[in-house]
Amino acid sequence: CEHIKCAPVDAIYIGDHQRDIECGRLAGMPTIAVGYGFTQSADEH
């Protein structure tokens, strides 16, 4: 966000693992969890 020159709230982080969503939350950023990647189950995300 610093490099893009935007606030975290003005970006979205997208990931296929719980740590991605935790990371986005800790950054103060909206998140999108995807189920098409390498999840352990179909609805885990």
PDB file of all heavy atoms in Angstrom:
ATOM      1  N   CYS A   1       0.829  -1.209   0.000  1.00  0.00           N
ATOM      2  CA  CYS A   1       0.000   0.000   0.000  1.00  0.00           C
ATOM      3  C   CYS A   1       0.862   1.258   0.000  1.00  0.00           C
ATOM      4  O   CYS A   1       0.529   2.256  -0.655  1.00  0.00           O
ATOM      5  CB  CYS A   1      -0.941  -0.004   1.198  1.00  0.00           C
ATOM      6  SG  CYS A   1      -2.268  -1.220   1.078  1.00  0.00           S
ATOM      7  N   GLU A   2       1.963   1.195   0.722  1.00  0.00           N
ATOM      8  CA  GLU A   2       2.879   2.337   0.745  1.00  0.00           C
ATOM      9  C   GLU A   2       3.415   2.631  -0.654  1.00  0.00           C
ATOM     10  O   GLU A   2       3.479   3.786  -1.084  1.00  0.00           O
ATOM     11  CB  GLU A   2       4.021   2.045   1.721  1.00  0.00           C
ATOM     12  CG  GLU A   2       5.040   3.158   1.866  1.00  0.00           C
ATOM     13  CD  GLU A   2       6.130   2.785   2.848  1.00  0.00           C
ATOM     14  OE1 GLU A   2       5.853   2.058   3.814  1.00  0.00           O
ATOM     15  OE2 GLU A   2       7.289   3.222   2.622  1.00  0.00           O
ATOM     16  N   HIS A   3       3.781   1.588  -1.373  1.00  0.00           N
ATOM     17  CA  HIS A   3       4.315   1.766  -2.727  1.00  0.00           C
ATOM     18  C   HIS A   3       3.235   2.233  -3.693  1.00  0.00           C
ATOM     19  O   HIS A   3       3.507   3.044  -4.593  1.00  0.00           O
ATOM     20  CB  HIS A   3       4.946   0.467  -3.219  1.00  0.00           C
ATOM     21  CG  HIS A   3       6.342   0.252  -2.734  1.00  0.00           C
ATOM     22  ND1 HIS A   3       7.438   0.349  -3.543  1.00  0.00           N
ATOM     23  CD2 HIS A   3       6.822  -0.024  -1.495  1.00  0.00           C
ATOM     24  CE1 HIS A   3       8.544   0.130  -2.841  1.00  0.00           C
ATOM     25  NE2 HIS A   3       8.190  -0.113  -1.598  1.00  0.00           N
ATOM     26  N   ILE A   4       2.027   1.723  -3.532  1.00  0.00           N
ATOM     27  CA  ILE A   4       0.925   2.108  -4.414  1.00  0.00           C
ATOM     28  C   ILE A   4       0.381   3.488  -4.042  1.00  0.00           C
ATOM     29  O   ILE A   4      -0.273   4.140  -4.834  1.00  0.00           O
ATOM     30  CB  ILE A   4      -0.184   1.031  -4.372  1.00  0.00           C
ATOM     31  CG1 ILE A   4       0.347  -0.287  -4.948  1.00  0.00           C
ATOM     32  CG2 ILE A   4      -1.429   1.464  -5.128  1.00  0.00           C
ATOM     33  CD1 ILE A   4      -0.556  -1.470  -4.702  1.00  0.00           C
ATOM     34  N   LYS A   5       0.707   3.910  -2.815  1.00  0.00           N
ATOM     35  CA  LYS A   5       0.231   5.191  -2.288  1.00  0.00           C
ATOM     36  C   LYS A   5      -1.283   5.176  -2.094  1.00  0.00           C
ATOM     37  O   LYS A   5      -2.013   6.072  -2.553  1.00  0.00           O
ATOM     38  CB  LYS A   5       0.657   6.355  -3.182  1.00  0.00           C
ATOM     39  CG  LYS A   5       2.161   6.585  -3.201  1.00  0.00           C
ATOM     40  CD  LYS A   5       2.560   7.764  -4.074  1.00  0.00           C
ATOM     41  CE  LYS A   5       4.022   8.134  -3.877  1.00  0.00           C
ATOM     42  NZ  LYS A   5       4.963   7.007  -4.073  1.00  0.00           N
ATOM     43  N   CYS A   6      -1.725   4.133  -1.403  1.00  0.00           N
ATOM     44  CA  CYS A   6      -3.137   4.048  -1.038  1.00  0.00           C
ATOM     45  C   CYS A   6      -3.255   3.553   0.396  1.00  0.00           C
ATOM     46  O   CYS A   6      -2.335   2.921   0.927  1.00  0.00           O
ATOM     47  CB  CYS A   6      -3.894   3.115  -1.987  1.00  0.00           C
ATOM     48  SG  CYS A   6      -3.571   1.350  -1.771  1.00  0.00           S
ATOM     49  N   ALA A   7      -4.368   3.853   1.018  1.00  0.00           N
ATOM     50  CA  ALA A   7      -4.644   3.348   2.356  1.00  0.00           C
ATOM     51  C   ALA A   7      -5.055   1.877   2.267  1.00  0.00           C
ATOM     52  O   ALA A   7      -5.647   1.455   1.266  1.00  0.00           O
ATOM     53  CB  ALA A   7      -5.761   4.157   3.005  1.00  0.00           C
ATOM     54  N   PRO A   8      -4.750   1.081   3.296  1.00  0.00           N
ATOM     55  CA  PRO A   8      -5.166  -0.331   3.251  1.00  0.00           C
ATOM     56  C   PRO A   8      -6.658  -0.516   3.008  1.00  0.00           C
ATOM     57  O   PRO A   8      -7.057  -1.461   2.317  1.00  0.00           O
ATOM     58  CB  PRO A   8      -4.753  -0.846   4.635  1.00  0.00           C
ATOM     59  CG  PRO A   8      -3.591   0.004   5.014  1.00  0.00           C
ATOM     60  CD  PRO A   8      -3.911   1.372   4.471  1.00  0.00           C
ATOM     61  N   VAL A   9      -7.468   0.374   3.538  1.00  0.00           N
ATOM     62  CA  VAL A   9      -8.911   0.234   3.366  1.00  0.00           C
ATOM     63  C   VAL A   9      -9.329   0.419   1.909  1.00  0.00           C
ATOM     64  O   VAL A   9     -10.421   0.005   1.502  1.00  0.00           O
ATOM     65  CB  VAL A   9      -9.665   1.228   4.284  1.00  0.00           C
ATOM     66  CG1 VAL A   9      -9.519   2.662   3.791  1.00  0.00           C
ATOM     67  CG2 VAL A   9     -11.119   0.831   4.435  1.00  0.00           C
ATOM     68  N   ASP A  10      -8.451   1.005   1.097  1.00  0.00           N
ATOM     69  CA  ASP A  10      -8.761   1.235  -0.313  1.00  0.00           C
ATOM     70  C   ASP A  10      -8.182   0.148  -1.224  1.00  0.00           C
ATOM     71  O   ASP A  10      -8.148   0.308  -2.450  1.00  0.00           O
ATOM     72  CB  ASP A  10      -8.232   2.598  -0.754  1.00  0.00           C
ATOM     73  CG  ASP A  10      -8.897   3.727   0.003  1.00  0.00           C
ATOM     74  OD1 ASP A  10     -10.078   3.579   0.374  1.00  0.00           O
ATOM     75  OD2 ASP A  10      -8.233   4.758   0.253  1.00  0.00           O
ATOM     76  N   ALA A  11      -7.712  -0.935  -0.627  1.00  0.00           N
ATOM     77  CA  ALA A  11      -7.213  -2.091  -1.379  1.00  0.00           C
ATOM     78  C   ALA A  11      -7.936  -3.340  -0.884  1.00  0.00           C
ATOM     79  O   ALA A  11      -8.552  -3.338   0.188  1.00  0.00           O
ATOM     80  CB  ALA A  11      -5.702  -2.238  -1.202  1.00  0.00           C
ATOM     81  N   ILE A  12      -7.862  -4.401  -1.659  1.00  0.00           N
ATOM     82  CA  ILE A  12      -8.434  -5.697  -1.275  1.00  0.00           C
ATOM     83  C   ILE A  12      -7.345  -6.743  -1.410  1.00  0.00           C
ATOM     84  O   ILE A  12      -6.609  -6.752  -2.405  1.00  0.00           O
ATOM     85  CB  ILE A  12      -9.633  -6.081  -2.162  1.00  0.00           C
ATOM     86  CG1 ILE A  12     -10.765  -5.065  -2.038  1.00  0.00           C
ATOM     87  CG2 ILE A  12     -10.158  -7.479  -1.801  1.00  0.00           C
ATOM     88  CD1 ILE A  12     -11.925  -5.322  -3.008  1.00  0.00           C
ATOM     89  N   TYR A  13      -7.255  -7.642  -0.407  1.00  0.00           N
ATOM     90  CA  TYR A  13      -6.324  -8.765  -0.525  1.00  0.00           C
ATOM     91  C   TYR A  13      -7.102 -10.033  -0.800  1.00  0.00           C
ATOM     92  O   TYR A  13      -8.115 -10.318  -0.146  1.00  0.00           O
ATOM     93  CB  TYR A  13      -5.484  -8.921   0.738  1.00  0.00           C
ATOM     94  CG  TYR A  13      -4.356  -9.916   0.561  1.00  0.00           C
ATOM     95  CD1 TYR A  13      -3.520  -9.844  -0.548  1.00  0.00           C
ATOM     96  CD2 TYR A  13      -4.138 -10.941   1.473  1.00  0.00           C
ATOM     97  CE1 TYR A  13      -2.493 -10.744  -0.743  1.00  0.00           C
ATOM     98  CE2 TYR A  13      -3.100 -11.839   1.296  1.00  0.00           C
ATOM     99  CZ  TYR A  13      -2.292 -11.744   0.188  1.00  0.00           C
ATOM    100  OH  TYR A  13      -1.269 -12.640  -0.014  1.00  0.00           O
ATOM    101  N   ILE A  14      -6.610 -10.816  -1.752  1.00  0.00           N
ATOM    102  CA  ILE A  14      -7.295 -12.016  -2.230  1.00  0.00           C
ATOM    103  C   ILE A  14      -6.382 -13.215  -2.000  1.00  0.00           C
ATOM    104  O   ILE A  14      -5.210 -13.205  -2.406  1.00  0.00           O
ATOM    105  CB  ILE A  14      -7.624 -11.891  -3.733  1.00  0.00           C
ATOM    106  CG1 ILE A  14      -8.436 -10.623  -3.995  1.00  0.00           C
ATOM    107  CG2 ILE A  14      -8.380 -13.125  -4.225  1.00  0.00           C
ATOM    108  CD1 ILE A  14      -8.625 -10.306  -5.468  1.00  0.00           C
ATOM    109  N   GLY A  15      -6.895 -14.273  -1.342  1.00  0.00           N
ATOM    110  CA  GLY A  15      -6.067 -15.434  -1.065  1.00  0.00           C
ATOM    111  C   GLY A  15      -6.849 -16.708  -0.890  1.00  0.00           C
ATOM    112  O   GLY A  15      -8.070 -16.687  -0.693  1.00  0.00           O
ATOM    113  N   ASP A  16      -6.129 -17.830  -0.950  1.00  0.00           N
ATOM    114  CA  ASP A  16      -6.769 -19.150  -0.859  1.00  0.00           C
ATOM    115  C   ASP A  16      -6.407 -19.872   0.430  1.00  0.00           C
ATOM    116  O   ASP A  16      -6.623 -21.081   0.547  1.00  0.00           O
ATOM    117  CB  ASP A  16      -6.370 -20.020  -2.061  1.00  0.00           C
ATOM    118  CG  ASP A  16      -4.949 -20.552  -1.957  1.00  0.00           C
ATOM    119  OD1 ASP A  16      -4.038 -19.732  -1.680  1.00  0.00           O
ATOM    120  OD2 ASP A  16      -4.746 -21.761  -2.155  1.00  0.00           O
ATOM    121  N   HIS A  17      -5.857 -19.150   1.409  1.00  0.00           N
ATOM    122  CA  HIS A  17      -5.451 -19.769   2.668  1.00  0.00           C
ATOM    123  C   HIS A  17      -5.879 -18.876   3.826  1.00  0.00           C
ATOM    124  O   HIS A  17      -5.930 -17.649   3.687  1.00  0.00           O
ATOM    125  CB  HIS A  17      -3.930 -19.961   2.687  1.00  0.00           C
ATOM    126  CG  HIS A  17      -3.437 -20.903   3.731  1.00  0.00           C
ATOM    127  ND1 HIS A  17      -3.333 -20.553   5.060  1.00  0.00           N
ATOM    128  CD2 HIS A  17      -3.009 -22.196   3.654  1.00  0.00           C
ATOM    129  CE1 HIS A  17      -2.864 -21.577   5.759  1.00  0.00           C
ATOM    130  NE2 HIS A  17      -2.671 -22.588   4.918  1.00  0.00           N
ATOM    131  N   GLN A  18      -6.156 -19.490   4.952  1.00  0.00           N
ATOM    132  CA  GLN A  18      -6.609 -18.729   6.111  1.00  0.00           C
ATOM    133  C   GLN A  18      -5.598 -17.660   6.536  1.00  0.00           C
ATOM    134  O   GLN A  18      -5.962 -16.573   6.979  1.00  0.00           O
ATOM    135  CB  GLN A  18      -6.912 -19.665   7.283  1.00  0.00           C
ATOM    136  CG  GLN A  18      -7.573 -18.963   8.462  1.00  0.00           C
ATOM    137  CD  GLN A  18      -8.102 -19.944   9.490  1.00  0.00           C
ATOM    138  OE1 GLN A  18      -7.886 -21.151   9.392  1.00  0.00           O
ATOM    139  NE2 GLN A  18      -8.810 -19.432  10.469  1.00  0.00           N
ATOM    140  N   ARG A  19      -4.289 -17.952   6.364  1.00  0.00           N
ATOM    141  CA  ARG A  19      -3.292 -16.954   6.758  1.00  0.00           C
ATOM    142  C   ARG A  19      -3.373 -15.709   5.871  1.00  0.00           C
ATOM    143  O   ARG A  19      -3.031 -14.609   6.316  1.00  0.00           O
ATOM    144  CB  ARG A  19      -1.876 -17.534   6.698  1.00  0.00           C
ATOM    145  CG  ARG A  19      -1.382 -17.871   5.315  1.00  0.00           C
ATOM    146  CD  ARG A  19       0.089 -18.226   5.259  1.00  0.00           C
ATOM    147  NE  ARG A  19       0.381 -18.830   3.969  1.00  0.00           N
ATOM    148  CZ  ARG A  19       0.365 -20.136   3.732  1.00  0.00           C
ATOM    149  NH1 ARG A  19       0.120 -20.987   4.721  1.00  0.00           N
ATOM    150  NH2 ARG A  19       0.608 -20.603   2.527  1.00  0.00           N
ATOM    151  N   ASP A  20      -3.830 -15.870   4.619  1.00  0.00           N
ATOM    152  CA  ASP A  20      -4.004 -14.711   3.747  1.00  0.00           C
ATOM    153  C   ASP A  20      -5.086 -13.786   4.301  1.00  0.00           C
ATOM    154  O   ASP A  20      -4.925 -12.560   4.326  1.00  0.00           O
ATOM    155  CB  ASP A  20      -4.391 -15.153   2.332  1.00  0.00           C
ATOM    156  CG  ASP A  20      -3.338 -16.018   1.669  1.00  0.00           C
ATOM    157  OD1 ASP A  20      -2.146 -15.762   1.894  1.00  0.00           O
ATOM    158  OD2 ASP A  20      -3.718 -16.943   0.936  1.00  0.00           O
ATOM    159  N   ILE A  21      -6.173 -14.381   4.726  1.00  0.00           N
ATOM    160  CA  ILE A  21      -7.289 -13.591   5.248  1.00  0.00           C
ATOM    161  C   ILE A  21      -6.903 -12.952   6.575  1.00  0.00           C
ATOM    162  O   ILE A  21      -7.224 -11.782   6.818  1.00  0.00           O
ATOM    163  CB  ILE A  21      -8.540 -14.480   5.397  1.00  0.00           C
ATOM    164  CG1 ILE A  21      -8.870 -15.155   4.056  1.00  0.00           C
ATOM    165  CG2 ILE A  21      -9.713 -13.664   5.909  1.00  0.00           C
ATOM    166  CD1 ILE A  21      -8.936 -14.224   2.863  1.00  0.00           C
ATOM    167  N   GLU A  22      -6.189 -13.670   7.404  1.00  0.00           N
ATOM    168  CA  GLU A  22      -5.707 -13.096   8.660  1.00  0.00           C
ATOM    169  C   GLU A  22      -4.765 -11.936   8.384  1.00  0.00           C
ATOM    170  O   GLU A  22      -4.824 -10.890   9.038  1.00  0.00           O
ATOM    171  CB  GLU A  22      -4.995 -14.164   9.491  1.00  0.00           C
ATOM    172  CG  GLU A  22      -4.503 -13.658  10.829  1.00  0.00           C
ATOM    173  CD  GLU A  22      -3.770 -14.714  11.628  1.00  0.00           C
ATOM    174  OE1 GLU A  22      -3.762 -15.888  11.211  1.00  0.00           O
ATOM    175  OE2 GLU A  22      -3.186 -14.362  12.669  1.00  0.00           O
ATOM    176  N   CYS A  23      -3.902 -12.096   7.399  1.00  0.00           N
ATOM    177  CA  CYS A  23      -2.964 -11.046   7.026  1.00  0.00           C
ATOM    178  C   CYS A  23      -3.702  -9.791   6.587  1.00  0.00           C
ATOM    179  O   CYS A  23      -3.376  -8.672   7.021  1.00  0.00           O
ATOM    180  CB  CYS A  23      -2.064 -11.562   5.901  1.00  0.00           C
ATOM    181  SG  CYS A  23      -0.824 -10.390   5.329  1.00  0.00           S
ATOM    182  N   GLY A  24      -4.695  -9.947   5.721  1.00  0.00           N
ATOM    183  CA  GLY A  24      -5.474  -8.808   5.274  1.00  0.00           C
ATOM    184  C   GLY A  24      -6.192  -8.122   6.420  1.00  0.00           C
ATOM    185  O   GLY A  24      -6.234  -6.884   6.500  1.00  0.00           O
ATOM    186  N   ARG A  25      -6.753  -8.918   7.311  1.00  0.00           N
ATOM    187  CA  ARG A  25      -7.470  -8.358   8.457  1.00  0.00           C
ATOM    188  C   ARG A  25      -6.527  -7.551   9.343  1.00  0.00           C
ATOM    189  O   ARG A  25      -6.848  -6.436   9.775  1.00  0.00           O
ATOM    190  CB  ARG A  25      -8.119  -9.487   9.251  1.00  0.00           C
ATOM    191  CG  ARG A  25      -9.067  -9.006  10.340  1.00  0.00           C
ATOM    192  CD  ARG A  25      -9.640 -10.159  11.141  1.00  0.00           C
ATOM    193  NE  ARG A  25     -10.313 -11.124  10.278  1.00  0.00           N
ATOM    194  CZ  ARG A  25      -9.925 -12.376  10.121  1.00  0.00           C
ATOM    195  NH1 ARG A  25      -8.862 -12.842  10.743  1.00  0.00           N
ATOM    196  NH2 ARG A  25     -10.612 -13.186   9.335  1.00  0.00           N
ATOM    197  N   LEU A  26      -5.333  -8.091   9.597  1.00  0.00           N
ATOM    198  CA  LEU A  26      -4.352  -7.386  10.424  1.00  0.00           C
ATOM    199  C   LEU A  26      -3.881  -6.092   9.768  1.00  0.00           C
ATOM    200  O   LEU A  26      -3.498  -5.136  10.453  1.00  0.00           O
ATOM    201  CB  LEU A  26      -3.159  -8.294  10.701  1.00  0.00           C
ATOM    202  CG  LEU A  26      -3.417  -9.484  11.636  1.00  0.00           C
ATOM    203  CD1 LEU A  26      -2.216 -10.429  11.649  1.00  0.00           C
ATOM    204  CD2 LEU A  26      -3.737  -9.005  13.050  1.00  0.00           C
ATOM    205  N   ALA A  27      -3.906  -6.059   8.438  1.00  0.00           N
ATOM    206  CA  ALA A  27      -3.508  -4.852   7.710  1.00  0.00           C
ATOM    207  C   ALA A  27      -4.635  -3.827   7.635  1.00  0.00           C
ATOM    208  O   ALA A  27      -4.412  -2.707   7.168  1.00  0.00           O
ATOM    209  CB  ALA A  27      -3.053  -5.227   6.306  1.00  0.00           C
ATOM    210  N   GLY A  28      -5.834  -4.197   8.076  1.00  0.00           N
ATOM    211  CA  GLY A  28      -6.964  -3.301   7.973  1.00  0.00           C
ATOM    212  C   GLY A  28      -7.545  -3.229   6.578  1.00  0.00           C
ATOM    213  O   GLY A  28      -8.093  -2.205   6.167  1.00  0.00           O
ATOM    214  N   MET A  29      -7.485  -4.333   5.873  1.00  0.00           N
ATOM    215  CA  MET A  29      -7.836  -4.386   4.456  1.00  0.00           C
ATOM    216  C   MET A  29      -9.025  -5.326   4.237  1.00  0.00           C
ATOM    217  O   MET A  29      -9.080  -6.393   4.852  1.00  0.00           O
ATOM    218  CB  MET A  29      -6.611  -4.913   3.696  1.00  0.00           C
ATOM    219  CG  MET A  29      -6.661  -4.823   2.203  1.00  0.00           C
ATOM    220  SD  MET A  29      -5.075  -5.387   1.486  1.00  0.00           S
ATOM    221  CE  MET A  29      -3.976  -4.072   2.040  1.00  0.00           C
ATOM    222  N   PRO A  30      -9.985  -4.985   3.385  1.00  0.00           N
ATOM    223  CA  PRO A  30     -11.003  -5.961   2.998  1.00  0.00           C
ATOM    224  C   PRO A  30     -10.342  -7.182   2.345  1.00  0.00           C
ATOM    225  O   PRO A  30      -9.273  -7.055   1.739  1.00  0.00           O
ATOM    226  CB  PRO A  30     -11.874  -5.202   1.998  1.00  0.00           C
ATOM    227  CG  PRO A  30     -11.570  -3.767   2.212  1.00  0.00           C
ATOM    228  CD  PRO A  30     -10.160  -3.690   2.703  1.00  0.00           C
ATOM    229  N   THR A  31     -10.986  -8.329   2.447  1.00  0.00           N
ATOM    230  CA  THR A  31     -10.396  -9.567   1.942  1.00  0.00           C
ATOM    231  C   THR A  31     -11.410 -10.367   1.130  1.00  0.00           C
ATOM    232  O   THR A  31     -12.618 -10.279   1.353  1.00  0.00           O
ATOM    233  CB  THR A  31      -9.892 -10.448   3.095  1.00  0.00           C
ATOM    234  OG1 THR A  31     -10.973 -10.677   4.019  1.00  0.00           O
ATOM    235  CG2 THR A  31      -8.732  -9.785   3.835  1.00  0.00           C
ATOM    236  N   ILE A  32     -10.872 -11.156   0.204  1.00  0.00           N
ATOM    237  CA  ILE A  32     -11.682 -12.113  -0.550  1.00  0.00           C
ATOM    238  C   ILE A  32     -11.013 -13.478  -0.424  1.00  0.00           C
ATOM    239  O   ILE A  32      -9.857 -13.652  -0.821  1.00  0.00           O
ATOM    240  CB  ILE A  32     -11.809 -11.730  -2.035  1.00  0.00           C
ATOM    241  CG1 ILE A  32     -12.505 -10.375  -2.187  1.00  0.00           C
ATOM    242  CG2 ILE A  32     -12.586 -12.812  -2.794  1.00  0.00           C
ATOM    243  CD1 ILE A  32     -12.597  -9.885  -3.626  1.00  0.00           C
ATOM    244  N   ALA A  33     -11.726 -14.435   0.134  1.00  0.00           N
ATOM    245  CA  ALA A  33     -11.245 -15.812   0.233  1.00  0.00           C
ATOM    246  C   ALA A  33     -11.737 -16.589  -0.973  1.00  0.00           C
ATOM    247  O   ALA A  33     -12.928 -16.558  -1.294  1.00  0.00           O
ATOM    248  CB  ALA A  33     -11.750 -16.463   1.516  1.00  0.00           C
ATOM    249  N   VAL A  34     -10.819 -17.276  -1.650  1.00  0.00           N
ATOM    250  CA  VAL A  34     -11.190 -18.013  -2.859  1.00  0.00           C
ATOM    251  C   VAL A  34     -11.184 -19.516  -2.602  1.00  0.00           C
ATOM    252  O   VAL A  34     -10.326 -20.036  -1.888  1.00  0.00           O
ATOM    253  CB  VAL A  34     -10.265 -17.659  -4.041  1.00  0.00           C
ATOM    254  CG1 VAL A  34     -10.262 -16.153  -4.277  1.00  0.00           C
ATOM    255  CG2 VAL A  34      -8.841 -18.154  -3.838  1.00  0.00           C
ATOM    256  N   GLY A  35     -12.160 -20.177  -3.194  1.00  0.00           N
ATOM    257  CA  GLY A  35     -12.285 -21.617  -3.019  1.00  0.00           C
ATOM    258  C   GLY A  35     -11.816 -22.418  -4.204  1.00  0.00           C
ATOM    259  O   GLY A  35     -11.895 -23.649  -4.197  1.00  0.00           O
ATOM    260  N   TYR A  36     -11.295 -21.757  -5.232  1.00  0.00           N
ATOM    261  CA  TYR A  36     -10.855 -22.473  -6.430  1.00  0.00           C
ATOM    262  C   TYR A  36      -9.401 -22.905  -6.357  1.00  0.00           C
ATOM    263  O   TYR A  36      -8.905 -23.572  -7.256  1.00  0.00           O
ATOM    264  CB  TYR A  36     -11.080 -21.607  -7.672  1.00  0.00           C
ATOM    265  CG  TYR A  36     -10.376 -20.266  -7.659  1.00  0.00           C
ATOM    266  CD1 TYR A  36      -9.013 -20.161  -7.892  1.00  0.00           C
ATOM    267  CD2 TYR A  36     -11.092 -19.095  -7.408  1.00  0.00           C
ATOM    268  CE1 TYR A  36      -8.366 -18.927  -7.879  1.00  0.00           C
ATOM    269  CE2 TYR A  36     -10.460 -17.856  -7.399  1.00  0.00           C
ATOM    270  CZ  TYR A  36      -9.102 -17.784  -7.632  1.00  0.00           C
ATOM    271  OH  TYR A  36      -8.472 -16.565  -7.610  1.00  0.00           O
ATOM    272  N   GLY A  37      -8.698 -22.528  -5.298  1.00  0.00           N
ATOM    273  CA  GLY A  37      -7.265 -22.796  -5.209  1.00  0.00           C
ATOM    274  C   GLY A  37      -6.941 -24.133  -4.573  1.00  0.00           C
ATOM    275  O   GLY A  37      -7.432 -25.178  -5.007  1.00  0.00           O
ATOM    276  N   PHE A  38      -6.148 -24.088  -3.504  1.00  0.00           N
ATOM    277  CA  PHE A  38      -5.612 -25.321  -2.921  1.00  0.00           C
ATOM    278  C   PHE A  38      -6.158 -25.577  -1.527  1.00  0.00           C
ATOM    279  O   PHE A  38      -5.454 -26.000  -0.611  1.00  0.00           O
ATOM    280  CB  PHE A  38      -4.080 -25.248  -2.877  1.00  0.00           C
ATOM    281  CG  PHE A  38      -3.445 -24.978  -4.215  1.00  0.00           C
ATOM    282  CD1 PHE A  38      -2.321 -24.189  -4.303  1.00  0.00           C
ATOM    283  CD2 PHE A  38      -3.977 -25.498  -5.374  1.00  0.00           C
ATOM    284  CE1 PHE A  38      -1.722 -23.930  -5.534  1.00  0.00           C
ATOM    285  CE2 PHE A  38      -3.398 -25.251  -6.613  1.00  0.00           C
ATOM    286  CZ  PHE A  38      -2.265 -24.464  -6.691  1.00  0.00           C
ATOM    287  N   THR A  39      -7.438 -25.300  -1.338  1.00  0.00           N
ATOM    288  CA  THR A  39      -8.072 -25.527  -0.042  1.00  0.00           C
ATOM    289  C   THR A  39      -8.224 -27.018   0.227  1.00  0.00           C
ATOM    290  O   THR A  39      -8.242 -27.841  -0.690  1.00  0.00           O
ATOM    291  CB  THR A  39      -9.445 -24.848   0.016  1.00  0.00           C
ATOM    292  OG1 THR A  39     -10.217 -25.239  -1.131  1.00  0.00           O
ATOM    293  CG2 THR A  39      -9.306 -23.335   0.028  1.00  0.00           C
ATOM    294  N   GLN A  40      -8.371 -27.343   1.501  1.00  0.00           N
ATOM    295  CA  GLN A  40      -8.500 -28.740   1.909  1.00  0.00           C
ATOM    296  C   GLN A  40      -9.906 -29.288   1.646  1.00  0.00           C
ATOM    297  O   GLN A  40     -10.080 -30.481   1.465  1.00  0.00           O
ATOM    298  CB  GLN A  40      -8.181 -28.871   3.409  1.00  0.00           C
ATOM    299  CG  GLN A  40      -6.783 -28.405   3.791  1.00  0.00           C
ATOM    300  CD  GLN A  40      -5.708 -29.425   3.448  1.00  0.00           C
ATOM    301  OE1 GLN A  40      -5.916 -30.624   3.571  1.00  0.00           O
ATOM    302  NE2 GLN A  40      -4.563 -28.936   3.008  1.00  0.00           N
ATOM    303  N   SER A  41     -10.910 -28.404   1.648  1.00  0.00           N
ATOM    304  CA  SER A  41     -12.285 -28.835   1.396  1.00  0.00           C
ATOM    305  C   SER A  41     -13.006 -27.763   0.587  1.00  0.00           C
ATOM    306  O   SER A  41     -12.558 -26.614   0.512  1.00  0.00           O
ATOM    307  CB  SER A  41     -13.033 -29.088   2.714  1.00  0.00           C
ATOM    308  OG  SER A  41     -13.143 -27.891   3.461  1.00  0.00           O
ATOM    309  N   ALA A  42     -14.140 -28.131   0.004  1.00  0.00           N
ATOM    310  CA  ALA A  42     -14.831 -27.250  -0.936  1.00  0.00           C
ATOM    311  C   ALA A  42     -15.338 -25.970  -0.294  1.00  0.00           C
ATOM    312  O   ALA A  42     -15.408 -24.924  -0.949  1.00  0.00           O
ATOM    313  CB  ALA A  42     -15.994 -28.008  -1.586  1.00  0.00           C
ATOM    314  N   ASP A  43     -15.704 -26.023   1.000  1.00  0.00           N
ATOM    315  CA  ASP A  43     -16.277 -24.842   1.643  1.00  0.00           C
ATOM    316  C   ASP A  43     -15.372 -24.241   2.713  1.00  0.00           C
ATOM    317  O   ASP A  43     -15.785 -23.340   3.444  1.00  0.00           O
ATOM    318  CB  ASP A  43     -17.637 -25.179   2.250  1.00  0.00           C
ATOM    319  CG  ASP A  43     -17.531 -26.197   3.385  1.00  0.00           C
ATOM    320  OD1 ASP A  43     -16.453 -26.814   3.539  1.00  0.00           O
ATOM    321  OD2 ASP A  43     -18.522 -26.359   4.115  1.00  0.00           O
ATOM    322  N   GLU A  44     -14.139 -24.699   2.787  1.00  0.00           N
ATOM    323  CA  GLU A  44     -13.216 -24.219   3.822  1.00  0.00           C
ATOM    324  C   GLU A  44     -13.069 -22.704   3.798  1.00  0.00           C
ATOM    325  O   GLU A  44     -13.042 -22.040   4.837  1.00  0.00           O
ATOM    326  CB  GLU A  44     -11.845 -24.878   3.633  1.00  0.00           C
ATOM    327  CG  GLU A  44     -10.793 -24.444   4.636  1.00  0.00           C
ATOM    328  CD  GLU A  44      -9.426 -25.021   4.302  1.00  0.00           C
ATOM    329  OE1 GLU A  44      -9.318 -25.789   3.323  1.00  0.00           O
ATOM    330  OE2 GLU A  44      -8.473 -24.689   5.016  1.00  0.00           O
ATOM    331  N   HIS A  45     -12.985 -22.135   2.611  1.00  0.00           N
ATOM    332  CA  HIS A  45     -12.739 -20.696   2.482  1.00  0.00           C
ATOM    333  C   HIS A  45     -13.884 -19.843   3.004  1.00  0.00           C
ATOM    334  O   HIS A  45     -13.698 -18.659   3.276  1.00  0.00           O
ATOM    335  CB  HIS A  45     -12.460 -20.341   1.020  1.00  0.00           C
ATOM    336  CG  HIS A  45     -13.620 -20.588   0.103  1.00  0.00           C
ATOM    337  ND1 HIS A  45     -14.163 -21.838  -0.097  1.00  0.00           N
ATOM    338  CD2 HIS A  45     -14.359 -19.732  -0.680  1.00  0.00           C
ATOM    339  CE1 HIS A  45     -15.163 -21.764  -0.951  1.00  0.00           C
ATOM    340  NE2 HIS A  45     -15.307 -20.491  -1.313  1.00  0.00           N
TER     341      HIS A  45
END
